[in-house]
């Protein structure tokens, strides 16, 4: 579209630049969605995630879809949110998806299923316990090494 003088309008220029740059507002909108989600402003977060859903990379797409479903659940649309979470119950973001899935099950008042899912969600496997133990031992070794090497006394900071 052009104005009376045959020049493109401001809206045309902005649209052209956004297409050429690959939607420059995406990082800001994604950050806005994350902020609204963390603040539990579900409606605003869902709108922001819906806006960036088509622009995010494959690595972020699953997280965005899970957050949209979580916002649906928080807004009382438990069945829709739960159905949207089903494909994400396994994979790299399974913990977050399972948490919101359990919440939706509770919202649907499926008591027996909710209890079973909750118990399964909170169980910690032996591998996770072993990982935590190794990290704790490594942290203790690091603190001991600091104390021996630099003479750093960390006890005043803890008491």
Protein backbone atom coordinates (compact mmCIF):
# COMPACT_ATOMS: atom_id res chain seq x y z
CA UNK A 1 0.00 0.00 0.00
CA UNK A 2 1.27 3.48 -0.71
CA UNK A 3 0.29 6.94 0.38
CA UNK A 4 -0.92 9.68 -2.01
CA UNK A 5 2.60 10.48 -3.17
CA UNK A 6 3.30 6.91 -4.27
CA UNK A 7 5.66 6.21 -1.33
CA UNK A 8 5.22 3.23 1.00
CA UNK A 9 3.50 3.92 4.31
CA UNK A 10 5.15 3.55 7.69
CA UNK A 11 3.28 0.27 8.31
CA UNK A 12 4.61 -1.13 5.02
CA UNK A 13 8.17 -0.22 5.95
CA UNK A 14 7.88 -1.78 9.41
CA UNK A 15 6.35 -4.95 7.95
CA UNK A 16 9.10 -5.20 5.34
CA UNK A 17 11.86 -4.73 7.93
CA UNK A 18 10.35 -7.31 10.28
CA UNK A 19 10.11 -9.88 7.48
CA UNK A 20 13.68 -9.18 6.43
CA UNK A 21 15.07 -9.34 9.98
CA UNK A 22 13.13 -12.48 10.94
CA UNK A 23 10.79 -10.85 13.46
CA UNK A 24 13.03 -8.75 15.72
CA UNK A 25 10.47 -8.51 18.53
CA UNK A 26 10.65 -12.26 19.22
CA UNK A 27 13.26 -12.15 22.03
CA UNK A 28 11.43 -9.33 23.80
CA UNK A 29 8.07 -11.03 23.49
CA UNK A 30 9.49 -14.35 24.69
CA UNK A 31 11.08 -12.60 27.69
CA UNK A 32 7.77 -10.87 28.37
CA UNK A 33 5.96 -14.20 28.26
CA UNK A 34 8.49 -15.75 30.67
CA UNK A 35 8.12 -12.82 33.06
CA UNK A 36 4.33 -13.00 32.99
CA UNK A 37 4.43 -16.77 33.50
CA UNK A 38 6.76 -16.45 36.50
CA UNK A 39 4.45 -13.75 37.92
CA UNK A 40 1.49 -16.11 37.45
CA UNK A 41 -0.28 -13.69 35.12
CA UNK A 42 -1.71 -16.59 33.17
CA UNK A 43 -3.86 -14.80 30.57
CA UNK A 44 -1.09 -12.40 29.56
CA UNK A 45 1.51 -15.16 29.51
CA UNK A 46 -0.67 -17.34 27.30
CA UNK A 47 -1.21 -14.48 24.84
CA UNK A 48 2.51 -13.74 24.68
CA UNK A 49 3.43 -17.41 24.22
CA UNK A 50 0.79 -17.69 21.48
CA UNK A 51 2.39 -14.74 19.69
CA UNK A 52 5.89 -16.26 19.69
CA UNK A 53 4.83 -19.87 19.14
CA UNK A 54 5.37 -19.73 15.38
CA UNK A 55 8.69 -17.86 15.63
CA UNK A 56 10.61 -19.85 18.25
CA UNK A 57 13.31 -22.31 17.35
CA UNK A 58 12.73 -26.03 17.69
CA UNK A 59 14.58 -26.11 21.01
CA UNK A 60 12.19 -23.61 22.61
CA UNK A 61 9.01 -24.78 20.90
CA UNK A 62 8.32 -27.62 23.37
CA UNK A 63 8.82 -25.30 26.34
CA UNK A 64 6.45 -22.73 24.82
CA UNK A 65 3.81 -25.39 24.16
CA UNK A 66 4.12 -26.70 27.72
CA UNK A 67 3.79 -23.18 29.13
CA UNK A 68 0.69 -22.51 27.00
CA UNK A 69 -0.87 -25.72 28.34
CA UNK A 70 0.13 -24.76 31.90
CA UNK A 71 -1.55 -21.36 31.47
CA UNK A 72 -4.68 -23.12 30.21
CA UNK A 73 -4.68 -25.32 33.31
CA UNK A 74 -4.21 -22.33 35.60
CA UNK A 75 -7.09 -20.56 33.86
CA UNK A 76 -9.37 -23.53 34.59
CA UNK A 77 -9.24 -25.21 31.19
CA UNK A 78 -7.88 -28.43 32.70
CA UNK A 79 -8.99 -30.87 30.02
CA UNK A 80 -7.52 -28.83 27.13
CA UNK A 81 -4.26 -28.24 28.99
CA UNK A 82 -3.95 -31.88 29.98
CA UNK A 83 -4.54 -33.05 26.43
CA UNK A 84 -1.90 -30.62 25.14
CA UNK A 85 0.64 -31.96 27.65
CA UNK A 86 0.34 -35.64 26.69
CA UNK A 87 3.04 -35.55 23.95
CA UNK A 88 5.51 -33.90 26.34
CA UNK A 89 5.31 -36.36 29.25
CA UNK A 90 8.54 -37.94 28.10
CA UNK A 91 11.55 -36.06 26.86
CA UNK A 92 13.80 -33.26 28.07
CA UNK A 93 11.00 -31.20 29.66
CA UNK A 94 9.11 -34.14 31.14
CA UNK A 95 9.39 -32.91 34.75
CA UNK A 96 7.60 -29.63 34.04
CA UNK A 97 5.03 -31.33 31.80
CA UNK A 98 4.32 -34.01 34.42
CA UNK A 99 3.92 -31.39 37.14
CA UNK A 100 1.27 -29.51 35.16
CA UNK A 101 -0.34 -32.79 34.08
CA UNK A 102 -0.77 -33.79 37.74
CA UNK A 103 -2.21 -30.34 38.47
CA UNK A 104 -4.73 -30.74 35.64
CA UNK A 105 -5.70 -34.18 36.91
CA UNK A 106 -6.40 -32.65 40.30
CA UNK A 107 -8.43 -29.88 38.67
CA UNK A 108 -10.53 -32.49 36.86
CA UNK A 109 -11.24 -34.10 40.26
CA UNK A 110 -9.87 -37.49 39.18
CA UNK A 111 -8.90 -38.35 42.75
CA UNK A 112 -7.47 -41.87 42.35
CA UNK A 113 -5.49 -40.98 39.23
CA UNK A 114 -4.24 -37.79 40.90
CA UNK A 115 -2.97 -39.68 43.95
CA UNK A 116 -1.20 -42.28 41.80
CA UNK A 117 0.39 -39.64 39.54
CA UNK A 118 1.43 -37.50 42.52
CA UNK A 119 3.14 -40.41 44.23
CA UNK A 120 4.92 -41.38 41.03
CA UNK A 121 5.99 -37.77 40.44
CA UNK A 122 7.63 -37.27 43.83
CA UNK A 123 9.56 -40.54 43.93
CA UNK A 124 13.26 -40.06 43.41
CA UNK A 125 15.09 -42.77 41.55
CA UNK A 126 18.35 -44.28 42.78
CA UNK A 127 20.28 -42.64 39.98
CA UNK A 128 19.08 -39.20 41.09
CA UNK A 129 20.07 -39.91 44.70
CA UNK A 130 23.51 -41.05 43.54
CA UNK A 131 23.94 -37.89 41.45
CA UNK A 132 23.02 -35.72 44.44
CA UNK A 133 25.42 -37.62 46.69
CA UNK A 134 28.29 -37.21 44.21
CA UNK A 135 27.60 -33.47 43.87
CA UNK A 136 27.48 -33.07 47.65
CA UNK A 137 30.80 -34.91 48.05
CA UNK A 138 32.38 -32.80 45.29
CA UNK A 139 31.20 -29.60 46.97
CA UNK A 140 32.66 -30.73 50.29
CA UNK A 141 35.94 -31.61 48.63
CA UNK A 142 36.05 -28.20 46.95
CA UNK A 143 35.46 -26.37 50.25
CA UNK A 144 38.14 -28.48 51.95
CA UNK A 145 40.55 -27.71 49.14
CA UNK A 146 39.86 -23.98 49.51
CA UNK A 147 40.44 -24.15 53.24
CA UNK A 148 43.74 -26.02 52.85
CA UNK A 149 45.09 -23.95 49.97
CA UNK A 150 44.05 -20.43 50.81
CA UNK A 151 43.32 -20.76 54.50
CA UNK A 152 39.78 -19.59 53.88
CA UNK A 153 37.61 -20.05 56.93
CA UNK A 154 34.03 -20.30 55.73
CA UNK A 155 32.43 -20.95 59.10
CA UNK A 156 31.83 -17.25 60.00
CA UNK A 157 29.66 -16.91 56.92
CA UNK A 158 27.48 -19.82 57.90
CA UNK A 159 26.88 -18.98 61.57
